[in-house]
């Protein structure tokens, strides 16, 4: 893209979340964060600025994984297995 897309703080936040959540938990967190951020940014349409911070979405993904992650991961794995 020719410019930085993730800041240093985002990478550090993902790294700390991955240390705490483990491999499957961190993958869940990253996928959920991306989907939630894209969904909200897409619903905002042209009213939102072209760049939006990713850190709050990483924090939301971590919180969802900690609160509801195990049932969601088991449900998702039951779909593909």
PDB file of N, CA and C in Angstrom:
ATOM      1  N   UNK A   1       0.812  -1.194   0.000  1.00  0.00           N
ATOM      2  CA  UNK A   1       0.000   0.000   0.000  1.00  0.00           C
ATOM      3  C   UNK A   1       0.852   1.253   0.000  1.00  0.00           C
ATOM      4  N   UNK A   2       2.116   1.109   0.290  1.00  0.00           N
ATOM      5  CA  UNK A   2       3.000   2.249   0.254  1.00  0.00           C
ATOM      6  C   UNK A   2       3.048   3.064   1.528  1.00  0.00           C
ATOM      7  N   UNK A   3       2.335   2.617   2.558  1.00  0.00           N
ATOM      8  CA  UNK A   3       2.375   3.340   3.830  1.00  0.00           C
ATOM      9  C   UNK A   3       2.191   2.335   4.957  1.00  0.00           C
ATOM     10  N   UNK A   4       2.528   2.750   6.176  1.00  0.00           N
ATOM     11  CA  UNK A   4       2.355   1.876   7.328  1.00  0.00           C
ATOM     12  C   UNK A   4       0.869   1.685   7.605  1.00  0.00           C
ATOM     13  N   UNK A   5       0.474   0.437   7.855  1.00  0.00           N
ATOM     14  CA  UNK A   5      -0.930   0.186   8.130  1.00  0.00           C
ATOM     15  C   UNK A   5      -1.161  -0.183   9.593  1.00  0.00           C
ATOM     16  N   UNK A   6      -0.217  -0.846  10.226  1.00  0.00           N
ATOM     17  CA  UNK A   6      -0.304  -1.160  11.648  1.00  0.00           C
ATOM     18  C   UNK A   6       0.793  -0.407  12.367  1.00  0.00           C
ATOM     19  N   UNK A   7       0.426   0.237  13.452  1.00  0.00           N
ATOM     20  CA  UNK A   7       1.421   0.948  14.231  1.00  0.00           C
ATOM     21  C   UNK A   7       2.142   0.012  15.173  1.00  0.00           C
ATOM     22  N   UNK A   8       3.168   0.505  15.802  1.00  0.00           N
ATOM     23  CA  UNK A   8       3.936  -0.295  16.746  1.00  0.00           C
ATOM     24  C   UNK A   8       3.123  -0.703  17.961  1.00  0.00           C
ATOM     25  N   UNK A   9       2.204   0.154  18.377  1.00  0.00           N
ATOM     26  CA  UNK A   9       1.358  -0.167  19.513  1.00  0.00           C
ATOM     27  C   UNK A   9       0.408  -1.316  19.221  1.00  0.00           C
ATOM     28  N   UNK A  10      -0.118  -1.369  17.992  1.00  0.00           N
ATOM     29  CA  UNK A  10      -1.001  -2.471  17.596  1.00  0.00           C
ATOM     30  C   UNK A  10      -0.268  -3.799  17.650  1.00  0.00           C
ATOM     31  N   UNK A  11       0.948  -3.815  17.160  1.00  0.00           N
ATOM     32  CA  UNK A  11       1.733  -5.051  17.137  1.00  0.00           C
ATOM     33  C   UNK A  11       2.058  -5.504  18.558  1.00  0.00           C
ATOM     34  N   UNK A  12       2.406  -4.550  19.416  1.00  0.00           N
ATOM     35  CA  UNK A  12       2.704  -4.898  20.810  1.00  0.00           C
ATOM     36  C   UNK A  12       1.453  -5.406  21.524  1.00  0.00           C
ATOM     37  N   UNK A  13       0.303  -4.795  21.258  1.00  0.00           N
ATOM     38  CA  UNK A  13      -0.943  -5.227  21.881  1.00  0.00           C
ATOM     39  C   UNK A  13      -1.323  -6.632  21.425  1.00  0.00           C
ATOM     40  N   UNK A  14      -1.156  -6.942  20.159  1.00  0.00           N
ATOM     41  CA  UNK A  14      -1.424  -8.294  19.658  1.00  0.00           C
ATOM     42  C   UNK A  14      -0.457  -9.291  20.282  1.00  0.00           C
ATOM     43  N   UNK A  15       0.800  -8.905  20.431  1.00  0.00           N
ATOM     44  CA  UNK A  15       1.795  -9.803  21.021  1.00  0.00           C
ATOM     45  C   UNK A  15       1.455 -10.131  22.473  1.00  0.00           C
ATOM     46  N   UNK A  16       1.059  -9.124  23.245  1.00  0.00           N
ATOM     47  CA  UNK A  16       0.702  -9.371  24.642  1.00  0.00           C
ATOM     48  C   UNK A  16      -0.565 -10.219  24.729  1.00  0.00           C
ATOM     49  N   UNK A  17      -1.536  -9.939  23.877  1.00  0.00           N
ATOM     50  CA  UNK A  17      -2.764 -10.739  23.864  1.00  0.00           C
ATOM     51  C   UNK A  17      -2.458 -12.180  23.476  1.00  0.00           C
ATOM     52  N   UNK A  18      -1.540 -12.378  22.525  1.00  0.00           N
ATOM     53  CA  UNK A  18      -1.171 -13.732  22.105  1.00  0.00           C
ATOM     54  C   UNK A  18      -0.455 -14.486  23.218  1.00  0.00           C
ATOM     55  N   UNK A  19       0.377 -13.800  23.985  1.00  0.00           N
ATOM     56  CA  UNK A  19       1.034 -14.451  25.119  1.00  0.00           C
ATOM     57  C   UNK A  19       0.021 -14.921  26.152  1.00  0.00           C
ATOM     58  N   UNK A  20      -1.018 -14.141  26.358  1.00  0.00           N
ATOM     59  CA  UNK A  20      -2.012 -14.469  27.371  1.00  0.00           C
ATOM     60  C   UNK A  20      -3.035 -15.493  26.866  1.00  0.00           C
ATOM     61  N   UNK A  21      -3.452 -15.368  25.601  1.00  0.00           N
ATOM     62  CA  UNK A  21      -4.536 -16.203  25.078  1.00  0.00           C
ATOM     63  C   UNK A  21      -4.067 -17.513  24.462  1.00  0.00           C
ATOM     64  N   UNK A  22      -2.831 -17.611  24.073  1.00  0.00           N
ATOM     65  CA  UNK A  22      -2.354 -18.812  23.403  1.00  0.00           C
ATOM     66  C   UNK A  22      -2.586 -18.738  21.899  1.00  0.00           C
ATOM     67  N   UNK A  23      -2.255 -19.824  21.202  1.00  0.00           N
ATOM     68  CA  UNK A  23      -2.308 -19.817  19.738  1.00  0.00           C
ATOM     69  C   UNK A  23      -3.731 -19.697  19.212  1.00  0.00           C
ATOM     70  N   UNK A  24      -4.617 -20.589  19.627  1.00  0.00           N
ATOM     71  CA  UNK A  24      -5.996 -20.565  19.120  1.00  0.00           C
ATOM     72  C   UNK A  24      -6.704 -19.293  19.570  1.00  0.00           C
ATOM     73  N   UNK A  25      -6.483 -18.903  20.811  1.00  0.00           N
ATOM     74  CA  UNK A  25      -7.108 -17.686  21.315  1.00  0.00           C
ATOM     75  C   UNK A  25      -6.648 -16.438  20.584  1.00  0.00           C
ATOM     76  N   UNK A  26      -5.375 -16.375  20.260  1.00  0.00           N
ATOM     77  CA  UNK A  26      -4.872 -15.197  19.559  1.00  0.00           C
ATOM     78  C   UNK A  26      -5.383 -15.158  18.120  1.00  0.00           C
ATOM     79  N   UNK A  27      -5.515 -16.310  17.488  1.00  0.00           N
ATOM     80  CA  UNK A  27      -6.087 -16.333  16.137  1.00  0.00           C
ATOM     81  C   UNK A  27      -7.542 -15.891  16.171  1.00  0.00           C
ATOM     82  N   UNK A  28      -8.279 -16.370  17.173  1.00  0.00           N
ATOM     83  CA  UNK A  28      -9.666 -15.932  17.346  1.00  0.00           C
ATOM     84  C   UNK A  28      -9.729 -14.424  17.541  1.00  0.00           C
ATOM     85  N   UNK A  29      -8.858 -13.909  18.373  1.00  0.00           N
ATOM     86  CA  UNK A  29      -8.825 -12.481  18.676  1.00  0.00           C
ATOM     87  C   UNK A  29      -8.543 -11.663  17.412  1.00  0.00           C
ATOM     88  N   UNK A  30      -7.578 -12.070  16.624  1.00  0.00           N
ATOM     89  CA  UNK A  30      -7.216 -11.326  15.420  1.00  0.00           C
ATOM     90  C   UNK A  30      -8.350 -11.363  14.400  1.00  0.00           C
ATOM     91  N   UNK A  31      -8.931 -12.548  14.180  1.00  0.00           N
ATOM     92  CA  UNK A  31     -10.018 -12.665  13.202  1.00  0.00           C
ATOM     93  C   UNK A  31     -11.229 -11.859  13.666  1.00  0.00           C
ATOM     94  N   UNK A  32     -11.595 -11.997  14.938  1.00  0.00           N
ATOM     95  CA  UNK A  32     -12.749 -11.249  15.457  1.00  0.00           C
ATOM     96  C   UNK A  32     -12.500  -9.746  15.373  1.00  0.00           C
ATOM     97  N   UNK A  33     -11.299  -9.299  15.707  1.00  0.00           N
ATOM     98  CA  UNK A  33     -10.970  -7.873  15.655  1.00  0.00           C
ATOM     99  C   UNK A  33     -11.086  -7.336  14.241  1.00  0.00           C
ATOM    100  N   UNK A  34     -10.566  -8.081  13.290  1.00  0.00           N
ATOM    101  CA  UNK A  34     -10.644  -7.649  11.889  1.00  0.00           C
ATOM    102  C   UNK A  34     -12.086  -7.577  11.402  1.00  0.00           C
ATOM    103  N   UNK A  35     -12.871  -8.618  11.698  1.00  0.00           N
ATOM    104  CA  UNK A  35     -14.262  -8.635  11.246  1.00  0.00           C
ATOM    105  C   UNK A  35     -15.088  -7.529  11.905  1.00  0.00           C
ATOM    106  N   UNK A  36     -14.920  -7.333  13.199  1.00  0.00           N
ATOM    107  CA  UNK A  36     -15.671  -6.286  13.897  1.00  0.00           C
ATOM    108  C   UNK A  36     -15.283  -4.897  13.385  1.00  0.00           C
ATOM    109  N   UNK A  37     -14.004  -4.654  13.214  1.00  0.00           N
ATOM    110  CA  UNK A  37     -13.554  -3.359  12.711  1.00  0.00           C
ATOM    111  C   UNK A  37     -14.042  -3.086  11.300  1.00  0.00           C
ATOM    112  N   UNK A  38     -13.963  -4.097  10.432  1.00  0.00           N
ATOM    113  CA  UNK A  38     -14.433  -3.917   9.059  1.00  0.00           C
ATOM    114  C   UNK A  38     -15.942  -3.730   9.007  1.00  0.00           C
ATOM    115  N   UNK A  39     -16.669  -4.458   9.839  1.00  0.00           N
ATOM    116  CA  UNK A  39     -18.120  -4.326   9.859  1.00  0.00           C
ATOM    117  C   UNK A  39     -18.542  -2.926  10.296  1.00  0.00           C
ATOM    118  N   UNK A  40     -17.988  -2.444  11.380  1.00  0.00           N
ATOM    119  CA  UNK A  40     -18.361  -1.109  11.874  1.00  0.00           C
ATOM    120  C   UNK A  40     -17.884  -0.026  10.915  1.00  0.00           C
ATOM    121  N   UNK A  41     -16.687  -0.177  10.400  1.00  0.00           N
ATOM    122  CA  UNK A  41     -16.173   0.822   9.464  1.00  0.00           C
ATOM    123  C   UNK A  41     -16.990   0.806   8.171  1.00  0.00           C
ATOM    124  N   UNK A  42     -17.397  -0.382   7.738  1.00  0.00           N
ATOM    125  CA  UNK A  42     -18.224  -0.482   6.535  1.00  0.00           C
ATOM    126  C   UNK A  42     -19.607   0.103   6.730  1.00  0.00           C
ATOM    127  N   UNK A  43     -20.186  -0.084   7.917  1.00  0.00           N
ATOM    128  CA  UNK A  43     -21.506   0.480   8.194  1.00  0.00           C
ATOM    129  C   UNK A  43     -21.460   1.998   8.314  1.00  0.00           C
ATOM    130  N   UNK A  44     -20.327   2.529   8.730  1.00  0.00           N
ATOM    131  CA  UNK A  44     -20.187   3.978   8.847  1.00  0.00           C
ATOM    132  C   UNK A  44     -20.168   4.638   7.474  1.00  0.00           C
ATOM    133  N   UNK A  45     -19.757   3.894   6.473  1.00  0.00           N
ATOM    134  CA  UNK A  45     -19.759   4.422   5.109  1.00  0.00           C
ATOM    135  C   UNK A  45     -18.786   5.547   4.895  1.00  0.00           C
ATOM    136  N   UNK A  46     -19.192   6.516   4.132  1.00  0.00           N
ATOM    137  CA  UNK A  46     -18.321   7.636   3.790  1.00  0.00           C
ATOM    138  C   UNK A  46     -18.226   8.668   4.905  1.00  0.00           C
ATOM    139  N   UNK A  47     -19.038   8.522   5.946  1.00  0.00           N
ATOM    140  CA  UNK A  47     -18.980   9.481   7.053  1.00  0.00           C
ATOM    141  C   UNK A  47     -17.699   9.331   7.859  1.00  0.00           C
ATOM    142  N   UNK A  48     -17.119   8.127   7.853  1.00  0.00           N
ATOM    143  CA  UNK A  48     -15.926   7.905   8.678  1.00  0.00           C
ATOM    144  C   UNK A  48     -14.668   8.295   7.918  1.00  0.00           C
ATOM    145  N   UNK A  49     -13.635   8.533   8.666  1.00  0.00           N
ATOM    146  CA  UNK A  49     -12.349   8.859   8.059  1.00  0.00           C
ATOM    147  C   UNK A  49     -11.743   7.594   7.453  1.00  0.00           C
ATOM    148  N   UNK A  50     -10.901   7.725   6.448  1.00  0.00           N
ATOM    149  CA  UNK A  50     -10.362   6.537   5.774  1.00  0.00           C
ATOM    150  C   UNK A  50      -9.475   5.665   6.666  1.00  0.00           C
ATOM    151  N   UNK A  51      -8.843   6.250   7.668  1.00  0.00           N
ATOM    152  CA  UNK A  51      -8.004   5.482   8.589  1.00  0.00           C
ATOM    153  C   UNK A  51      -8.684   5.434   9.948  1.00  0.00           C
ATOM    154  N   UNK A  52      -8.683   4.261  10.566  1.00  0.00           N
ATOM    155  CA  UNK A  52      -9.269   4.157  11.890  1.00  0.00           C
ATOM    156  C   UNK A  52      -8.340   3.348  12.768  1.00  0.00           C
ATOM    157  N   UNK A  53      -8.336   3.636  14.068  1.00  0.00           N
ATOM    158  CA  UNK A  53      -7.426   2.926  14.972  1.00  0.00           C
ATOM    159  C   UNK A  53      -7.852   1.472  15.136  1.00  0.00           C
ATOM    160  N   UNK A  54      -6.872   0.582  15.171  1.00  0.00           N
ATOM    161  CA  UNK A  54      -7.138  -0.844  15.279  1.00  0.00           C
ATOM    162  C   UNK A  54      -7.013  -1.335  16.713  1.00  0.00           C
ATOM    163  N   UNK A  55      -6.383  -0.582  17.577  1.00  0.00           N
ATOM    164  CA  UNK A  55      -6.171  -0.978  18.962  1.00  0.00           C
ATOM    165  C   UNK A  55      -7.455  -1.271  19.724  1.00  0.00           C
ATOM    166  N   UNK A  56      -8.491  -0.426  19.620  1.00  0.00           N
ATOM    167  CA  UNK A  56      -9.733  -0.745  20.320  1.00  0.00           C
ATOM    168  C   UNK A  56     -10.370  -2.041  19.854  1.00  0.00           C
ATOM    169  N   UNK A  57     -10.206  -2.373  18.590  1.00  0.00           N
ATOM    170  CA  UNK A  57     -10.783  -3.619  18.075  1.00  0.00           C
ATOM    171  C   UNK A  57     -10.011  -4.826  18.584  1.00  0.00           C
ATOM    172  N   UNK A  58      -8.700  -4.671  18.751  1.00  0.00           N
ATOM    173  CA  UNK A  58      -7.903  -5.746  19.342  1.00  0.00           C
ATOM    174  C   UNK A  58      -8.325  -5.957  20.793  1.00  0.00           C
ATOM    175  N   UNK A  59      -8.533  -4.863  21.509  1.00  0.00           N
ATOM    176  CA  UNK A  59      -8.987  -4.971  22.898  1.00  0.00           C
ATOM    177  C   UNK A  59     -10.366  -5.616  22.975  1.00  0.00           C
ATOM    178  N   UNK A  60     -11.269  -5.274  22.063  1.00  0.00           N
ATOM    179  CA  UNK A  60     -12.592  -5.896  22.030  1.00  0.00           C
ATOM    180  C   UNK A  60     -12.483  -7.384  21.725  1.00  0.00           C
ATOM    181  N   UNK A  61     -11.654  -7.753  20.759  1.00  0.00           N
ATOM    182  CA  UNK A  61     -11.468  -9.164  20.435  1.00  0.00           C
ATOM    183  C   UNK A  61     -10.903  -9.954  21.602  1.00  0.00           C
ATOM    184  N   UNK A  62      -9.983  -9.356  22.338  1.00  0.00           N
ATOM    185  CA  UNK A  62      -9.427 -10.015  23.522  1.00  0.00           C
ATOM    186  C   UNK A  62     -10.489 -10.190  24.595  1.00  0.00           C
ATOM    187  N   UNK A  63     -11.296  -9.165  24.810  1.00  0.00           N
ATOM    188  CA  UNK A  63     -12.354  -9.250  25.824  1.00  0.00           C
ATOM    189  C   UNK A  63     -13.399 -10.291  25.446  1.00  0.00           C
ATOM    190  N   UNK A  64     -13.784 -10.337  24.177  1.00  0.00           N
ATOM    191  CA  UNK A  64     -14.766 -11.342  23.734  1.00  0.00           C
ATOM    192  C   UNK A  64     -14.195 -12.734  23.883  1.00  0.00           C
ATOM    193  N   UNK A  65     -12.920 -12.911  23.567  1.00  0.00           N
ATOM    194  CA  UNK A  65     -12.296 -14.227  23.716  1.00  0.00           C
ATOM    195  C   UNK A  65     -12.266 -14.636  25.181  1.00  0.00           C
ATOM    196  N   UNK A  66     -11.941 -13.719  26.065  1.00  0.00           N
ATOM    197  CA  UNK A  66     -11.880 -14.052  27.485  1.00  0.00           C
ATOM    198  C   UNK A  66     -13.260 -14.370  28.054  1.00  0.00           C
ATOM    199  N   UNK A  67     -14.300 -13.672  27.605  1.00  0.00           N
ATOM    200  CA  UNK A  67     -15.638 -13.862  28.156  1.00  0.00           C
ATOM    201  C   UNK A  67     -16.411 -14.994  27.483  1.00  0.00           C
ATOM    202  N   UNK A  68     -16.353 -15.054  26.143  1.00  0.00           N
ATOM    203  CA  UNK A  68     -17.187 -15.999  25.395  1.00  0.00           C
ATOM    204  C   UNK A  68     -16.402 -16.863  24.421  1.00  0.00           C
ATOM    205  N   UNK A  69     -15.103 -16.847  24.504  1.00  0.00           N
ATOM    206  CA  UNK A  69     -14.271 -17.470  23.491  1.00  0.00           C
ATOM    207  C   UNK A  69     -14.372 -18.973  23.394  1.00  0.00           C
ATOM    208  N   UNK A  70     -14.337 -19.668  24.510  1.00  0.00           N
ATOM    209  CA  UNK A  70     -14.338 -21.134  24.457  1.00  0.00           C
ATOM    210  C   UNK A  70     -15.585 -21.687  23.775  1.00  0.00           C
ATOM    211  N   UNK A  71     -16.802 -21.243  24.160  1.00  0.00           N
ATOM    212  CA  UNK A  71     -17.974 -21.757  23.438  1.00  0.00           C
ATOM    213  C   UNK A  71     -17.979 -21.385  21.956  1.00  0.00           C
ATOM    214  N   UNK A  72     -17.518 -20.181  21.630  1.00  0.00           N
ATOM    215  CA  UNK A  72     -17.481 -19.775  20.220  1.00  0.00           C
ATOM    216  C   UNK A  72     -16.466 -20.588  19.423  1.00  0.00           C
ATOM    217  N   UNK A  73     -15.293 -20.851  20.006  1.00  0.00           N
ATOM    218  CA  UNK A  73     -14.278 -21.649  19.310  1.00  0.00           C
ATOM    219  C   UNK A  73     -14.767 -23.077  19.126  1.00  0.00           C
ATOM    220  N   UNK A  74     -15.387 -23.661  20.164  1.00  0.00           N
ATOM    221  CA  UNK A  74     -15.922 -25.022  20.040  1.00  0.00           C
ATOM    222  C   UNK A  74     -17.019 -25.086  18.984  1.00  0.00           C
ATOM    223  N   UNK A  75     -17.885 -24.080  18.953  1.00  0.00           N
ATOM    224  CA  UNK A  75     -18.941 -24.037  17.949  1.00  0.00           C
ATOM    225  C   UNK A  75     -18.352 -23.950  16.539  1.00  0.00           C
ATOM    226  N   UNK A  76     -17.363 -23.080  16.346  1.00  0.00           N
ATOM    227  CA  UNK A  76     -16.757 -22.913  15.028  1.00  0.00           C
ATOM    228  C   UNK A  76     -16.023 -24.184  14.599  1.00  0.00           C
ATOM    229  N   UNK A  77     -15.277 -24.797  15.515  1.00  0.00           N
ATOM    230  CA  UNK A  77     -14.566 -26.021  15.162  1.00  0.00           C
ATOM    231  C   UNK A  77     -15.535 -27.153  14.859  1.00  0.00           C
ATOM    232  N   UNK A  78     -16.712 -27.171  15.477  1.00  0.00           N
ATOM    233  CA  UNK A  78     -17.695 -28.215  15.179  1.00  0.00           C
ATOM    234  C   UNK A  78     -18.259 -28.031  13.776  1.00  0.00           C
ATOM    235  N   UNK A  79     -18.236 -26.823  13.255  1.00  0.00           N
ATOM    236  CA  UNK A  79     -18.715 -26.598  11.896  1.00  0.00           C
ATOM    237  C   UNK A  79     -17.773 -27.154  10.843  1.00  0.00           C
ATOM    238  N   UNK A  80     -16.465 -27.087  11.105  1.00  0.00           N
ATOM    239  CA  UNK A  80     -15.503 -27.487  10.075  1.00  0.00           C
ATOM    240  C   UNK A  80     -14.989 -28.915  10.282  1.00  0.00           C
ATOM    241  N   UNK A  81     -15.323 -29.534  11.402  1.00  0.00           N
ATOM    242  CA  UNK A  81     -14.847 -30.897  11.636  1.00  0.00           C
ATOM    243  C   UNK A  81     -15.984 -31.879  11.584  1.00  0.00           C
TER     244      UNK A  81
END
